[in-house]
C-alpha atoms as a PDB file:
ATOM      1  CA  MET A   1     186.505  67.335 182.575  1.00  0.00           C
ATOM      2  CA  ASN A   2     188.722  63.650 183.108  1.00  0.00           C
ATOM      3  CA  GLY A   3     190.790  62.973 180.206  1.00  0.00           C
ATOM      4  CA  ALA A   4     190.134  66.697 178.732  1.00  0.00           C
ATOM      5  CA  GLU A   5     192.316  67.598 175.694  1.00  0.00           C
ATOM      6  CA  PHE A   6     192.936  71.103 175.751  1.00  0.00           C
ATOM      7  CA  LEU A   7     194.202  72.569 171.788  1.00  0.00           C
ATOM      8  CA  TRP A   8     195.665  75.573 170.489  1.00  0.00           C
ATOM      9  CA  ILE A   9     195.995  74.782 167.297  1.00  0.00           C
ATOM     10  CA  ASP A  10     197.498  76.635 163.921  1.00  0.00           C
ATOM     11  CA  PRO A  11     195.978  75.836 160.495  1.00  0.00           C
ATOM     12  CA  LYS A  12     199.357  75.595 159.439  1.00  0.00           C
ATOM     13  CA  GLU A  13     200.225  73.009 161.466  1.00  0.00           C
ATOM     14  CA  GLU A  14     196.909  70.723 161.155  1.00  0.00           C
ATOM     15  CA  ALA A  15     194.486  71.862 158.636  1.00  0.00           C
ATOM     16  CA  GLU A  16     193.222  68.819 158.242  1.00  0.00           C
ATOM     17  CA  LEU A  17     190.926  69.428 161.554  1.00  0.00           C
ATOM     18  CA  ILE A  18     189.403  72.548 160.755  1.00  0.00           C
ATOM     19  CA  PRO A  19     186.670  71.834 158.624  1.00  0.00           C
ATOM     20  CA  ARG A  20     186.204  68.786 160.978  1.00  0.00           C
ATOM     21  CA  LEU A  21     186.377  71.657 163.949  1.00  0.00           C
ATOM     22  CA  ILE A  22     184.056  74.182 162.756  1.00  0.00           C
ATOM     23  CA  ASP A  23     181.409  71.609 160.929  1.00  0.00           C
ATOM     24  CA  TRP A  24     181.066  71.039 164.504  1.00  0.00           C
ATOM     25  CA  MET A  25     181.044  74.588 165.933  1.00  0.00           C
ATOM     26  CA  LEU A  26     178.384  75.345 164.030  1.00  0.00           C
ATOM     27  CA  LEU A  27     176.419  72.767 164.678  1.00  0.00           C
ATOM     28  CA  GLU A  28     175.583  73.425 167.657  1.00  0.00           C
ATOM     29  CA  LYS A  29     175.934  77.080 167.053  1.00  0.00           C
ATOM     30  CA  GLU A  30     172.731  76.276 165.321  1.00  0.00           C
ATOM     31  CA  ARG A  31     170.980  73.571 168.088  1.00  0.00           C
ATOM     32  CA  TRP A  32     171.759  76.384 171.136  1.00  0.00           C
ATOM     33  CA  ALA A  33     170.087  79.368 168.583  1.00  0.00           C
ATOM     34  CA  ILE A  34     167.437  76.279 168.376  1.00  0.00           C
ATOM     35  CA  ARG A  35     167.379  76.084 172.604  1.00  0.00           C
ATOM     36  CA  VAL A  36     167.208  80.029 172.939  1.00  0.00           C
ATOM     37  CA  GLY A  37     164.782  80.565 170.463  1.00  0.00           C
ATOM     38  CA  LYS A  38     166.799  83.634 168.527  1.00  0.00           C
ATOM     39  CA  LYS A  39     166.827  82.905 164.407  1.00  0.00           C
ATOM     40  CA  HIS A  40     169.325  82.898 162.279  1.00  0.00           C
ATOM     41  CA  THR A  41     170.000  82.031 158.313  1.00  0.00           C
ATOM     42  CA  TRP A  42     173.883  82.173 158.558  1.00  0.00           C
ATOM     43  CA  ALA A  43     174.504  78.831 161.106  1.00  0.00           C
ATOM     44  CA  GLY A  44     173.882  76.431 159.170  1.00  0.00           C
ATOM     45  CA  SER A  45     174.470  78.091 155.467  1.00  0.00           C
ATOM     46  CA  ALA A  46     177.327  76.835 153.025  1.00  0.00           C
ATOM     47  CA  PRO A  47     178.891  79.155 152.184  1.00  0.00           C
ATOM     48  CA  TYR A  48     179.021  80.699 155.579  1.00  0.00           C
ATOM     49  CA  ARG A  49     180.900  77.025 156.655  1.00  0.00           C
ATOM     50  CA  ASP A  50     183.101  77.606 153.178  1.00  0.00           C
ATOM     51  CA  PHE A  51     184.260  81.556 154.239  1.00  0.00           C
ATOM     52  CA  LEU A  52     185.491  80.617 157.458  1.00  0.00           C
ATOM     53  CA  VAL A  53     186.959  77.510 156.670  1.00  0.00           C
ATOM     54  CA  SER A  54     188.507  78.755 153.641  1.00  0.00           C
ATOM     55  CA  SER A  55     189.925  81.672 155.611  1.00  0.00           C
ATOM     56  CA  VAL A  56     191.435  80.283 158.214  1.00  0.00           C
ATOM     57  CA  LEU A  57     193.179  78.073 156.315  1.00  0.00           C
ATOM     58  CA  ASP A  58     194.197  80.712 153.800  1.00  0.00           C
ATOM     59  CA  PRO A  59     197.998  81.257 153.585  1.00  0.00           C
ATOM     60  CA  ASP A  60     197.499  84.653 152.020  1.00  0.00           C
ATOM     61  CA  GLU A  61     194.699  85.489 154.330  1.00  0.00           C
ATOM     62  CA  ILE A  62     195.537  89.540 156.077  1.00  0.00           C
ATOM     63  CA  MET A  63     194.681  86.839 159.856  1.00  0.00           C
ATOM     64  CA  SER A  64     195.886  84.730 161.116  1.00  0.00           C
ATOM     65  CA  TYR A  65     194.109  82.235 163.052  1.00  0.00           C
ATOM     66  CA  ARG A  66     193.262  80.561 165.889  1.00  0.00           C
ATOM     67  CA  LEU A  67     191.166  77.036 167.344  1.00  0.00           C
ATOM     68  CA  ALA A  68     190.856  77.429 170.592  1.00  0.00           C
ATOM     69  CA  ALA A  69     189.456  73.269 171.329  1.00  0.00           C
ATOM     70  CA  ILE A  70     189.017  71.260 174.619  1.00  0.00           C
ATOM     71  CA  MET A  71     188.338  67.795 173.708  1.00  0.00           C
ATOM     72  CA  VAL A  72     187.179  64.160 175.107  1.00  0.00           C
ATOM     73  CA  GLY A  73     189.422  61.421 172.640  1.00  0.00           C
ATOM     74  CA  ASP A  74     187.731  62.246 169.000  1.00  0.00           C
ATOM     75  CA  GLN A  75     184.809  64.914 170.512  1.00  0.00           C
ATOM     76  CA  PRO A  76     184.843  68.167 170.419  1.00  0.00           C
ATOM     77  CA  LEU A  77     183.547  70.258 174.216  1.00  0.00           C
ATOM     78  CA  ALA A  78     183.697  73.644 172.594  1.00  0.00           C
ATOM     79  CA  VAL A  79     185.175  74.770 169.904  1.00  0.00           C
ATOM     80  CA  LYS A  80     186.522  78.709 170.089  1.00  0.00           C
ATOM     81  CA  LEU A  81     188.261  80.576 166.726  1.00  0.00           C
ATOM     82  CA  ILE A  82     190.487  83.659 167.944  1.00  0.00           C
ATOM     83  CA  ALA A  83     191.738  85.630 165.035  1.00  0.00           C
ATOM     84  CA  ILE A  84     195.962  87.440 166.213  1.00  0.00           C
ATOM     85  CA  CYS A  85     195.924  90.820 164.526  1.00  0.00           C
ATOM     86  CA  PRO A  86     198.714  93.352 165.186  1.00  0.00           C
ATOM     87  CA  GLY A  87     198.424  93.736 169.518  1.00  0.00           C
ATOM     88  CA  HIS A  88     195.465  91.950 169.999  1.00  0.00           C
ATOM     89  CA  VAL A  89     193.342  89.148 169.672  1.00  0.00           C
ATOM     90  CA  GLU A  90     190.031  89.062 168.288  1.00  0.00           C
ATOM     91  CA  TYR A  91     186.869  86.723 169.021  1.00  0.00           C
ATOM     92  CA  VAL A  92     184.969  85.300 165.759  1.00  0.00           C
ATOM     93  CA  ILE A  93     183.001  83.304 166.846  1.00  0.00           C
ATOM     94  CA  GLY A  94     183.196  79.778 169.122  1.00  0.00           C
ATOM     95  CA  ALA A  95     180.226  77.100 170.219  1.00  0.00           C
ATOM     96  CA  TYR A  96     180.105  74.132 173.488  1.00  0.00           C
ATOM     97  CA  SER A  97     178.460  71.041 173.617  1.00  0.00           C
ATOM     98  CA  SER A  98     174.476  70.525 174.107  1.00  0.00           C
ATOM     99  CA  ASP A  99     175.444  67.752 175.115  1.00  0.00           C
ATOM    100  CA  PRO A 100     173.268  68.437 179.262  1.00  0.00           C
ATOM    101  CA  ALA A 101     176.387  66.616 180.614  1.00  0.00           C
ATOM    102  CA  HIS A 102     178.793  68.100 179.579  1.00  0.00           C
ATOM    103  CA  ALA A 103     176.980  72.315 179.463  1.00  0.00           C
ATOM    104  CA  LYS A 104     176.859  71.553 183.245  1.00  0.00           C
ATOM    105  CA  LEU A 105     180.740  71.875 183.403  1.00  0.00           C
ATOM    106  CA  SER A 106     180.658  75.132 181.353  1.00  0.00           C
ATOM    107  CA  PRO A 107     183.248  73.444 179.008  1.00  0.00           C
ATOM    108  CA  GLY A 108     183.309  76.948 177.023  1.00  0.00           C
ATOM    109  CA  LEU A 109     183.881  79.312 179.961  1.00  0.00           C
ATOM    110  CA  VAL A 110     186.615  77.108 180.709  1.00  0.00           C
ATOM    111  CA  LEU A 111     187.885  77.409 177.057  1.00  0.00           C
ATOM    112  CA  ASP A 112     188.159  81.339 177.074  1.00  0.00           C
ATOM    113  CA  GLU A 113     189.768  80.826 180.421  1.00  0.00           C
ATOM    114  CA  TYR A 114     192.432  78.566 178.115  1.00  0.00           C
ATOM    115  CA  TRP A 115     192.554  80.185 175.440  1.00  0.00           C
ATOM    116  CA  MET A 116     192.632  83.827 176.890  1.00  0.00           C
ATOM    117  CA  ARG A 117     195.063  83.072 179.195  1.00  0.00           C
ATOM    118  CA  ARG A 118     197.655  82.020 175.833  1.00  0.00           C
ATOM    119  CA  VAL A 119     196.488  85.640 174.537  1.00  0.00           C
ATOM    120  CA  PHE A 120     197.959  86.947 177.455  1.00  0.00           C
ATOM    121  CA  ASP A 121     200.961  85.545 177.079  1.00  0.00           C
ATOM    122  CA  LEU A 122     201.328  86.983 174.641  1.00  0.00           C
ATOM    123  CA  LYS A 123     201.127  90.326 176.117  1.00  0.00           C
ATOM    124  CA  LEU A 124     197.204  91.190 173.426  1.00  0.00           C
ATOM    125  CA  ASP A 125     194.676  92.651 173.884  1.00  0.00           C
ATOM    126  CA  VAL A 126     191.453  90.862 172.888  1.00  0.00           C
ATOM    127  CA  ASP A 127     188.018  92.188 171.463  1.00  0.00           C
ATOM    128  CA  PHE A 128     184.365  89.748 171.771  1.00  0.00           C
ATOM    129  CA  GLY A 129     182.829  92.343 168.979  1.00  0.00           C
ATOM    130  CA  THR A 130     180.036  93.656 169.628  1.00  0.00           C
ATOM    131  CA  GLY A 131     176.934  93.167 172.194  1.00  0.00           C
ATOM    132  CA  GLN A 132     175.904  92.376 176.395  1.00  0.00           C
ATOM    133  CA  GLU A 133     176.069  88.540 176.207  1.00  0.00           C
ATOM    134  CA  ALA A 134     177.424  87.934 180.097  1.00  0.00           C
ATOM    135  CA  TYR A 135     181.272  86.632 179.156  1.00  0.00           C
ATOM    136  CA  LYS A 136     181.537  89.934 177.433  1.00  0.00           C
ATOM    137  CA  LEU A 137     180.233  92.051 180.226  1.00  0.00           C
ATOM    138  CA  PHE A 138     181.947  89.436 182.787  1.00  0.00           C
ATOM    139  CA  TRP A 139     185.781  89.254 181.369  1.00  0.00           C
ATOM    140  CA  SER A 140     185.725  92.923 180.123  1.00  0.00           C
ATOM    141  CA  ARG A 141     184.581  93.902 183.932  1.00  0.00           C
ATOM    142  CA  LYS A 142     181.588  95.414 182.833  1.00  0.00           C
ATOM    143  CA  ASN A 143     182.992  97.431 180.533  1.00  0.00           C
ATOM    144  CA  VAL A 144     181.236  98.372 177.505  1.00  0.00           C
ATOM    145  CA  GLU A 145     181.108 100.816 174.821  1.00  0.00           C
ATOM    146  CA  GLU A 146     178.393 101.669 172.695  1.00  0.00           C
ATOM    147  CA  LEU A 147     177.400 101.140 169.691  1.00  0.00           C
ATOM    148  CA  ARG A 148     175.040 102.077 167.490  1.00  0.00           C
ATOM    149  CA  THR A 149     174.671 101.222 163.523  1.00  0.00           C
ATOM    150  CA  TYR A 150     172.898 103.883 160.178  1.00  0.00           C
ATOM    151  CA  ARG A 151     172.298 103.152 157.203  1.00  0.00           C
ATOM    152  CA  ILE A 152     171.887 106.049 155.733  1.00  0.00           C
ATOM    153  CA  PRO A 153     170.300 105.792 151.522  1.00  0.00           C
ATOM    154  CA  LEU A 154     172.722 107.796 149.098  1.00  0.00           C
ATOM    155  CA  SER A 155     171.150 107.739 146.473  1.00  0.00           C
ATOM    156  CA  LEU A 156     166.906 107.089 145.344  1.00  0.00           C
ATOM    157  CA  ARG A 157     167.892 103.276 144.850  1.00  0.00           C
ATOM    158  CA  GLY A 158     169.075 103.199 147.742  1.00  0.00           C
ATOM    159  CA  LYS A 159     165.983 104.573 149.562  1.00  0.00           C
ATOM    160  CA  LEU A 160     163.728 102.297 148.147  1.00  0.00           C
ATOM    161  CA  PHE A 161     166.028  99.868 148.953  1.00  0.00           C
ATOM    162  CA  LEU A 162     166.028 100.691 152.408  1.00  0.00           C
ATOM    163  CA  SER A 163     162.294 101.241 152.786  1.00  0.00           C
ATOM    164  CA  THR A 164     161.723  97.570 151.426  1.00  0.00           C
ATOM    165  CA  TYR A 165     164.236  96.169 153.867  1.00  0.00           C
ATOM    166  CA  LYS A 166     162.366  98.863 156.894  1.00  0.00           C
ATOM    167  CA  TRP A 167     159.131  97.050 155.634  1.00  0.00           C
ATOM    168  CA  PHE A 168     160.673  93.706 155.261  1.00  0.00           C
ATOM    169  CA  GLN A 169     161.498  93.462 158.829  1.00  0.00           C
ATOM    170  CA  ARG A 170     158.401  94.611 160.075  1.00  0.00           C
ATOM    171  CA  LEU A 171     155.736  92.691 157.838  1.00  0.00           C
ATOM    172  CA  ARG A 172     158.899  89.293 159.255  1.00  0.00           C
ATOM    173  CA  THR A 173     158.184  90.750 163.664  1.00  0.00           C
ATOM    174  CA  ASP A 174     154.027  91.419 163.280  1.00  0.00           C
ATOM    175  CA  GLN A 175     154.012  87.989 161.730  1.00  0.00           C
ATOM    176  CA  ASP A 176     156.489  86.251 165.668  1.00  0.00           C
END
C-alpha cells in the first residue's frame, strides 16, 4: 500500500479526527451491509453515530478508546474502533474501503495486524465479541465459545411484549 500511513489515534490527543473517521466508518459499514444483503438500522442511525462519538470523546468514560486507521493522504482505507479495558481490549466496530481498487488489498486485515501488534505489545488479550466471522476465527485459531441468549419474561406485560415482538419478527421474515 504505497503512501499508506498507519495511525493509532488517542481521542484525547486528536479529538478533531474522531467524528470524521466514525462517519466514514459508518458509511462504509452501510455500503457493506447493502452489498452482502444484511439488514440493519443502526449503522445509518444518527443516535448510534452520536453515541459512538460522544462515548469516544467523553473524558469521564470508563473505557479508553483508540481508533486504528490506514490513511492514504486524507482518505481512510480502513478504520477500527478499539476499547481498552483492564487486562484486555474489545474490538467495537470497524470498516474498510468499498472501493474495489482498495478492497482487493485487504486493508481491514492489514489494519487488524497493525492494531493487534500494538495490543500484544501492551500484553493485553483481545475480545472480538460474538460471531463467527472469518477474521475472528483466523485470529482466535478457531477457538470459539458458543453463546446463547434467552429472553424470559418476568411479568404478564413482558410476556405480551415478547409475544408481540416474535410475531413481528416472523411477519418480517415471511415478507422477505
